[in-house]
Amino acid sequence: MIEKNSWVRLHRIILEPNERAPGIPSDTSSVPLEIWVKGYLQQDANIGDEAEVVTLTGRHEKGTLIEVNPAWKHGFGNFVPELLQIDRQVREIVWS
């Protein structure tokens, strides 16, 4: 059981593919419009339950509870040695 006021992330489908606006690209219109939102849990719940959060901006959002204490998981990719050489070249051009 995840306790009320825990920092969590919810997921919800806003629009199904057949509800999407006409005229958007086919690769966009073929998938649902989804939202992932973080906030403070408003009642005890389990992963997979429908839950409500209050976001840092004070919005109330509902969705399926998917994660507790969500962390940033993105990166900037693998190291590319050529970028070091490009950095040197750009600095030399700009500052010399």
Protein backbone atom coordinates (compact mmCIF):
# COMPACT_ATOMS: atom_id res chain seq x y z
CA MET A 1 0.00 0.00 0.00
CA ILE A 2 1.35 3.40 -0.96
CA GLU A 3 0.54 6.03 1.63
CA LYS A 4 -1.31 9.28 1.10
CA ASN A 5 0.99 12.25 0.35
CA SER A 6 3.64 10.04 -1.30
CA TRP A 7 5.23 11.48 -4.45
CA VAL A 8 3.92 9.35 -7.35
CA ARG A 9 3.36 9.24 -11.09
CA LEU A 10 0.03 8.57 -12.79
CA HIS A 11 -0.83 7.64 -16.37
CA ARG A 12 -4.05 8.37 -18.24
CA ILE A 13 -5.25 8.21 -21.83
CA ILE A 14 -6.73 11.57 -22.78
CA LEU A 15 -7.96 10.65 -26.29
CA GLU A 16 -8.25 7.32 -28.07
CA PRO A 17 -6.98 7.21 -31.68
CA ASN A 18 -10.52 7.50 -33.08
CA GLU A 19 -11.07 10.66 -31.01
CA ARG A 20 -8.00 12.49 -32.33
CA ALA A 21 -8.43 15.63 -34.44
CA PRO A 22 -8.66 15.20 -38.19
CA GLY A 23 -5.73 16.40 -40.23
CA ILE A 24 -2.93 15.35 -37.87
CA PRO A 25 -0.20 13.07 -39.28
CA SER A 26 -1.17 9.39 -39.52
CA ASP A 27 1.62 8.27 -37.19
CA THR A 28 0.16 10.62 -34.56
CA SER A 29 -3.51 9.88 -35.17
CA SER A 30 -2.93 6.12 -34.91
CA VAL A 31 -1.94 6.25 -31.22
CA PRO A 32 -3.76 7.54 -28.14
CA LEU A 33 -2.97 10.92 -26.60
CA GLU A 34 -1.52 10.07 -23.18
CA ILE A 35 -0.48 11.96 -20.07
CA TRP A 36 1.96 11.06 -17.33
CA VAL A 37 1.75 13.34 -14.32
CA LYS A 38 3.58 13.52 -11.00
CA GLY A 39 2.11 14.71 -7.75
CA TYR A 40 1.21 14.01 -4.15
CA LEU A 41 -1.11 11.05 -3.69
CA GLN A 42 -4.44 12.08 -2.17
CA GLN A 43 -5.41 8.69 -0.70
CA ASP A 44 -3.70 5.38 0.05
CA ALA A 45 -3.49 3.24 -3.11
CA ASN A 46 -1.66 0.37 -4.79
CA ILE A 47 0.19 0.32 -8.10
CA GLY A 48 -2.44 -0.16 -10.81
CA ASP A 49 -5.23 1.54 -8.85
CA GLU A 50 -7.04 4.64 -10.07
CA ALA A 51 -5.76 7.49 -7.94
CA GLU A 52 -5.73 11.26 -7.59
CA VAL A 53 -2.74 13.54 -7.11
CA VAL A 54 -2.16 17.21 -6.52
CA THR A 55 0.70 18.48 -8.70
CA LEU A 56 3.31 21.04 -7.69
CA THR A 57 1.24 23.67 -9.49
CA GLY A 58 -1.87 22.73 -7.50
CA ARG A 59 -3.74 20.88 -10.28
CA HIS A 60 -5.82 17.85 -9.32
CA GLU A 61 -5.27 14.97 -11.75
CA LYS A 62 -6.59 11.40 -11.83
CA GLY A 63 -5.15 8.34 -13.50
CA THR A 64 -3.64 4.91 -12.98
CA LEU A 65 -0.92 4.83 -10.32
CA ILE A 66 2.22 3.53 -12.03
CA GLU A 67 5.22 4.56 -9.93
CA VAL A 68 6.27 5.73 -6.47
CA ASN A 69 9.10 8.26 -6.06
CA PRO A 70 9.66 8.58 -9.82
CA ALA A 71 13.17 9.57 -10.86
CA TRP A 72 14.57 11.15 -14.00
CA LYS A 73 15.62 8.30 -16.30
CA HIS A 74 16.68 10.15 -19.42
CA GLY A 75 20.21 10.71 -20.56
CA PHE A 76 22.08 12.41 -23.35
CA GLY A 77 23.23 9.23 -25.09
CA ASN A 78 26.62 7.56 -25.24
CA PHE A 79 29.90 9.42 -25.26
CA VAL A 80 30.87 10.60 -28.76
CA PRO A 81 34.62 11.34 -28.96
CA GLU A 82 34.22 13.45 -32.10
CA LEU A 83 32.26 16.01 -30.08
CA LEU A 84 35.40 16.83 -28.07
CA GLN A 85 37.23 17.72 -31.28
CA ILE A 86 34.25 19.78 -32.50
CA ASP A 87 34.17 21.60 -29.15
CA ARG A 88 37.84 22.54 -29.52
CA GLN A 89 37.33 23.71 -33.09
CA VAL A 90 34.31 25.85 -32.20
CA ARG A 91 36.09 27.44 -29.23
CA GLU A 92 39.10 28.23 -31.42
CA ILE A 93 36.91 29.82 -34.10
CA VAL A 94 34.80 31.83 -31.64
CA TRP A 95 37.50 32.96 -29.19
CA SER A 96 40.57 33.48 -31.39
